[in-house]
Protein backbone atom coordinates (compact mmCIF):
# COMPACT_ATOMS: atom_id res chain seq x y z
CA UNK A 1 71.76 22.62 61.54
CA UNK A 2 69.38 21.80 64.89
CA UNK A 3 68.00 25.09 64.87
CA UNK A 4 67.32 25.01 60.38
CA UNK A 5 65.26 21.36 61.69
CA UNK A 6 63.92 22.98 64.02
CA UNK A 7 62.04 25.92 62.10
CA UNK A 8 61.78 24.07 59.04
CA UNK A 9 59.01 21.11 60.95
CA UNK A 10 57.53 24.42 63.27
CA UNK A 11 54.20 25.18 62.83
CA UNK A 12 53.27 29.19 62.33
CA UNK A 13 50.38 30.71 62.67
CA UNK A 14 48.12 30.59 60.40
CA UNK A 15 47.89 33.04 57.31
CA UNK A 16 50.68 34.53 58.98
CA UNK A 17 53.99 34.17 55.99
CA UNK A 18 52.94 35.25 52.59
CA UNK A 19 55.26 33.71 50.30
CA UNK A 20 53.08 34.93 46.87
CA UNK A 21 55.98 37.46 45.46
CA UNK A 22 58.16 34.01 45.10
CA UNK A 23 56.09 32.74 43.70
CA UNK A 24 54.38 34.73 41.11
CA UNK A 25 57.38 37.24 40.28
CA UNK A 26 61.05 34.42 40.63
CA UNK A 27 61.75 34.42 37.43
CA UNK A 28 62.21 30.61 36.72
CA UNK A 29 58.55 30.23 39.11
CA UNK A 30 56.85 31.97 36.76
CA UNK A 31 58.32 30.24 33.84
CA UNK A 32 57.27 26.35 35.24
CA UNK A 33 54.02 28.39 36.94
CA UNK A 34 52.83 28.97 33.19
CA UNK A 35 54.06 25.91 32.51
CA UNK A 36 51.91 24.37 34.84
CA UNK A 37 49.01 26.67 32.85
CA UNK A 38 49.75 25.31 29.41
CA UNK A 39 49.30 21.90 30.36
CA UNK A 40 46.40 19.92 29.19
CA UNK A 41 46.66 17.25 30.42
CA UNK A 42 46.84 18.43 34.42
CA UNK A 43 44.79 20.58 36.77
CA UNK A 44 48.27 22.23 38.88
CA UNK A 45 47.93 25.18 38.27
CA UNK A 46 44.27 25.95 35.53
CA UNK A 47 41.43 23.13 35.00
CA UNK A 48 42.06 21.64 31.69
CA UNK A 49 40.83 22.48 28.79
CA UNK A 50 37.67 20.71 28.03
CA UNK A 51 36.47 22.23 31.65
CA UNK A 52 37.29 25.28 30.68
CA UNK A 53 35.24 25.32 27.88
CA UNK A 54 32.60 24.83 29.42
CA UNK A 55 32.64 27.33 32.70
CA UNK A 56 33.11 29.57 29.76
CA UNK A 57 29.62 28.29 27.53
CA UNK A 58 28.50 28.19 30.89
CA UNK A 59 28.63 31.50 31.74
CA UNK A 60 26.90 32.91 28.82
CA UNK A 61 23.95 31.43 28.67
CA UNK A 62 23.56 31.83 32.20
CA UNK A 63 25.28 35.71 32.49
CA UNK A 64 24.27 36.47 29.18
CA UNK A 65 27.96 37.38 28.18
CA UNK A 66 27.72 38.99 24.71
CA UNK A 67 28.58 42.21 23.25
CA UNK A 68 28.55 44.55 25.39
CA UNK A 69 28.86 43.01 28.70
CA UNK A 70 31.91 44.72 31.10
CA UNK A 71 34.07 41.99 33.12
CA UNK A 72 36.72 41.40 35.03
CA UNK A 73 39.00 37.76 35.45
CA UNK A 74 40.96 38.70 38.54
CA UNK A 75 44.04 36.73 38.86
CA UNK A 76 43.64 35.26 34.86
CA UNK A 77 47.17 34.28 34.41
CA UNK A 78 47.64 33.51 30.91
CA UNK A 79 44.30 34.61 29.92
CA UNK A 80 42.85 31.15 29.31
CA UNK A 81 39.07 33.05 30.27
CA UNK A 82 39.93 35.96 28.95
CA UNK A 83 40.70 35.29 25.81
CA UNK A 84 37.80 32.79 25.17
CA UNK A 85 34.98 35.20 27.09
CA UNK A 86 36.55 38.18 24.83
CA UNK A 87 35.55 36.44 21.72
CA UNK A 88 32.42 36.17 22.96
CA UNK A 89 31.78 40.08 22.50
CA UNK A 90 32.49 40.78 25.77
CA UNK A 91 34.41 43.32 26.75
CA UNK A 92 37.25 42.17 28.95
CA UNK A 93 39.72 42.78 31.63
CA UNK A 94 42.39 41.03 32.92
CA UNK A 95 43.58 41.03 36.44
CA UNK A 96 46.73 39.93 37.79
CA UNK A 97 50.61 39.33 39.68
CA UNK A 98 52.62 37.76 36.68
CA UNK A 99 54.42 39.80 34.23
CA UNK A 100 54.85 36.50 32.42
CA UNK A 101 51.63 35.15 31.98
CA UNK A 102 50.77 38.38 31.02
CA UNK A 103 52.81 38.63 28.33
CA UNK A 104 50.90 35.53 27.23
CA UNK A 105 47.74 36.60 27.80
CA UNK A 106 47.76 39.41 25.88
CA UNK A 107 50.69 38.01 22.97
CA UNK A 108 47.74 35.59 22.44
CA UNK A 109 45.14 38.52 22.36
CA UNK A 110 46.73 40.06 19.57
CA UNK A 111 47.25 37.52 18.04
CA UNK A 112 43.05 36.72 17.83
CA UNK A 113 42.65 39.79 16.83
CA UNK A 114 41.17 40.65 20.45
CA UNK A 115 40.93 44.34 22.68
CA UNK A 116 41.63 42.49 25.58
CA UNK A 117 42.63 45.11 29.09
CA UNK A 118 45.68 43.94 30.62
CA UNK A 119 46.35 45.20 34.25
CA UNK A 120 49.78 43.79 35.67
CA UNK A 121 49.26 44.49 39.72
CA UNK A 122 47.90 42.36 42.89
CA UNK A 123 44.43 42.18 42.87
CA UNK A 124 44.15 42.82 46.23
CA UNK A 125 45.77 46.31 45.41
CA UNK A 126 43.17 47.06 42.08
CA UNK A 127 41.98 51.09 41.73
CA UNK A 128 39.85 51.74 38.29
CA UNK A 129 37.03 53.61 38.09
CA UNK A 130 35.63 50.65 35.44
CA UNK A 131 32.23 48.92 37.21
CA UNK A 132 31.85 45.81 35.65
CA UNK A 133 28.81 43.21 34.96
CA UNK A 134 30.59 39.81 35.86
CA UNK A 135 33.70 39.90 38.22
CA UNK A 136 35.20 36.19 37.86
CA UNK A 137 37.97 34.46 40.90
CA UNK A 138 38.91 31.38 39.23
CA UNK A 139 40.34 28.44 40.85
CA UNK A 140 39.98 28.25 44.70
CA UNK A 141 41.85 31.78 44.55
CA UNK A 142 39.73 33.05 46.70
CA UNK A 143 41.05 30.34 49.46
CA UNK A 144 44.50 31.33 49.08
CA UNK A 145 43.50 34.84 50.56
CA UNK A 146 44.27 35.25 54.63
CA UNK A 147 40.75 36.52 56.60
CA UNK A 148 42.00 40.24 56.19
CA UNK A 149 42.64 40.36 52.65
CA UNK A 150 39.97 37.93 51.80
CA UNK A 151 37.00 41.14 53.02
CA UNK A 152 40.03 43.64 50.60
CA UNK A 153 38.71 41.97 47.85
CA UNK A 154 35.39 41.33 48.43
CA UNK A 155 35.53 45.55 49.32
CA UNK A 156 37.41 46.46 45.59
CA UNK A 157 34.44 43.87 43.75
CA UNK A 158 31.62 45.14 45.70
CA UNK A 159 33.63 48.90 44.55
CA UNK A 160 33.54 47.88 41.47
CA UNK A 161 30.76 46.16 40.96
CA UNK A 162 27.62 47.32 38.55
CA UNK A 163 23.90 47.32 40.00
CA UNK A 164 23.07 43.77 39.00
CA UNK A 165 26.48 42.56 38.19
CA UNK A 166 27.10 39.41 40.15
CA UNK A 167 30.43 38.09 40.61
CA UNK A 168 31.65 33.84 39.91
CA UNK A 169 34.26 32.56 42.31
CA UNK A 170 34.64 29.28 43.57
CA UNK A 171 36.51 28.01 46.78
CA UNK A 172 37.44 24.31 48.66
CA UNK A 173 35.06 22.65 50.63
CA UNK A 174 35.13 21.26 53.90
CA UNK A 175 34.98 17.68 52.37
CA UNK A 176 38.25 18.42 50.99
CA UNK A 177 39.50 19.95 54.48
CA UNK A 178 39.06 15.69 55.89
CA UNK A 179 40.52 14.44 53.26
CA UNK A 180 43.69 16.52 53.95
CA UNK A 181 45.62 14.82 56.16
CA UNK A 182 49.62 15.73 57.70
CA UNK A 183 52.60 14.63 56.82
CA UNK A 184 56.25 15.19 55.86
CA UNK A 185 58.97 14.16 53.86
CA UNK A 186 61.89 14.87 53.04
CA UNK A 187 64.29 14.20 49.27
CA UNK A 188 66.40 15.63 46.73
CA UNK A 189 64.59 17.25 43.74
CA UNK A 190 60.80 15.65 45.04
CA UNK A 191 59.66 18.54 42.69
CA UNK A 192 62.33 18.04 39.65
CA UNK A 193 63.23 21.56 38.61
CA UNK A 194 60.07 23.84 40.00
CA UNK A 195 60.97 25.54 41.64
CA UNK A 196 64.88 25.88 40.98
CA UNK A 197 67.51 24.91 37.50
CA UNK A 198 69.45 24.18 40.75
CA UNK A 199 70.57 21.04 42.56
CA UNK A 200 68.43 21.04 45.72
CA UNK A 201 67.32 19.14 49.27
CA UNK A 202 63.60 20.31 50.23
CA UNK A 203 61.79 19.75 53.00
CA UNK A 204 58.09 19.54 53.03
CA UNK A 205 55.73 19.49 55.50
CA UNK A 206 51.14 19.47 55.42
CA UNK A 207 50.08 21.08 58.79
CA UNK A 208 46.59 21.23 59.04
CA UNK A 209 44.82 23.35 61.09
CA UNK A 210 41.07 22.16 62.63
CA UNK A 211 40.46 25.35 64.41
CA UNK A 212 40.35 27.86 61.44
CA UNK A 213 39.85 25.21 59.13
CA UNK A 214 42.91 25.82 56.90
CA UNK A 215 45.46 23.79 56.26
CA UNK A 216 49.50 23.98 54.67
CA UNK A 217 51.67 23.42 52.25
CA UNK A 218 55.03 24.70 53.64
CA UNK A 219 57.97 23.66 51.75
CA UNK A 220 61.80 24.83 52.84
CA UNK A 221 64.27 23.61 49.75
CA UNK A 222 68.17 24.50 50.03
CA UNK A 223 70.32 24.71 47.49
CA UNK A 224 74.45 25.35 47.48
CA UNK A 225 73.55 29.13 47.42
CA UNK A 226 70.79 30.17 48.33
CA UNK A 227 67.78 28.79 51.13
CA UNK A 228 64.37 29.53 50.78
CA UNK A 229 60.39 28.63 51.27
CA UNK A 230 57.03 28.99 50.11
CA UNK A 231 54.14 28.40 52.01
CA UNK A 232 51.19 27.50 50.58
CA UNK A 233 48.37 27.95 52.32
CA UNK A 234 44.84 26.79 52.00
CA UNK A 235 41.14 27.96 53.60
CA UNK A 236 38.07 25.81 53.36
CA UNK A 237 34.37 26.64 53.44
CA UNK A 238 31.35 25.34 54.16
CA UNK A 239 27.77 27.91 52.73
CA UNK A 240 27.40 29.32 56.40
CA UNK A 241 30.98 30.84 56.53
CA UNK A 242 31.46 31.32 52.42
CA UNK A 243 27.53 34.07 53.26
CA UNK A 244 28.58 35.09 56.77
CA UNK A 245 32.11 36.82 54.96
CA UNK A 246 29.86 37.99 51.71
CA UNK A 247 27.73 39.10 54.85
CA UNK A 248 29.88 41.18 56.15
CA UNK A 249 31.12 43.12 52.68
CA UNK A 250 27.37 43.74 51.73
CA UNK A 251 27.11 40.78 49.60
CA UNK A 252 25.22 38.44 49.02
CA UNK A 253 25.16 34.19 47.55
CA UNK A 254 22.01 34.08 45.23
CA UNK A 255 23.22 30.90 43.61
CA UNK A 256 25.22 27.58 44.67
CA UNK A 257 27.31 25.29 42.26
CA UNK A 258 29.89 22.49 42.08
CA UNK A 259 32.13 24.54 39.94
CA UNK A 260 31.96 26.74 38.03
CA UNK A 261 30.68 25.55 35.15
CA UNK A 262 27.14 25.26 36.68
CA UNK A 263 27.49 21.16 37.76
CA UNK A 264 24.40 21.36 40.71
CA UNK A 265 25.41 21.84 44.11
CA UNK A 266 26.34 18.30 45.20
CA UNK A 267 27.31 18.49 49.32
CA UNK A 268 30.27 16.13 49.20
CA UNK A 269 31.34 17.88 46.06
CA UNK A 270 35.00 19.41 47.02
CA UNK A 271 34.34 22.58 45.88
CA UNK A 272 31.78 25.34 46.34
């Protein structure tokens, strides 16, 4: 027990452990993630419907999205953006790791008579002959990737971007980083049945890495039959650090906003 407690409370190196497979492919957690995506009263997995509608309207106006626009949504989830963008006439590709979420997205496309090309893969492995006029990475997905993974993904973006094409993504800012506080919580089923339908005990450790501008929510869960961990890493950015990462992949940032609904950039915004 003592050694287990040492492990539970030890501070790992930033991005040294990746549990994305568990988060997106565990059948129970995948079902819970889909429920969270579709819940209109929370921003815990996707933005609320009113924001998504505002975001799609801005994307349409800012990038002239319509018939003939070739568009890719990386990490499309259950198709909350892809469905609306396809309804504008765009040629839409959705890429996601979660088979469960994509199943819902495909069913929605069929019911709306939309020809959306959904690809079930880790978007870090995506390869295609397609070229896109607009590439989206929504809901701060970029922040959950390690530095190596971020450069890999930006390379994939550049490879699949059409001449004159654009990338839209959002990230957590240093304002959000400053708000984060370290802490430890222990309890029984603190997240209800989100992680498992078994009875469980859980430790939640929150670590902050000032030099790297990284935070970690580390979940260690014990049921009668198994022990598992979830590591939720988040990188935080300012304009300079984000500009440098894009420049390293041969990309340039043209415009800054407070969010992906096109609100004016604000240095005090939690997102960029």
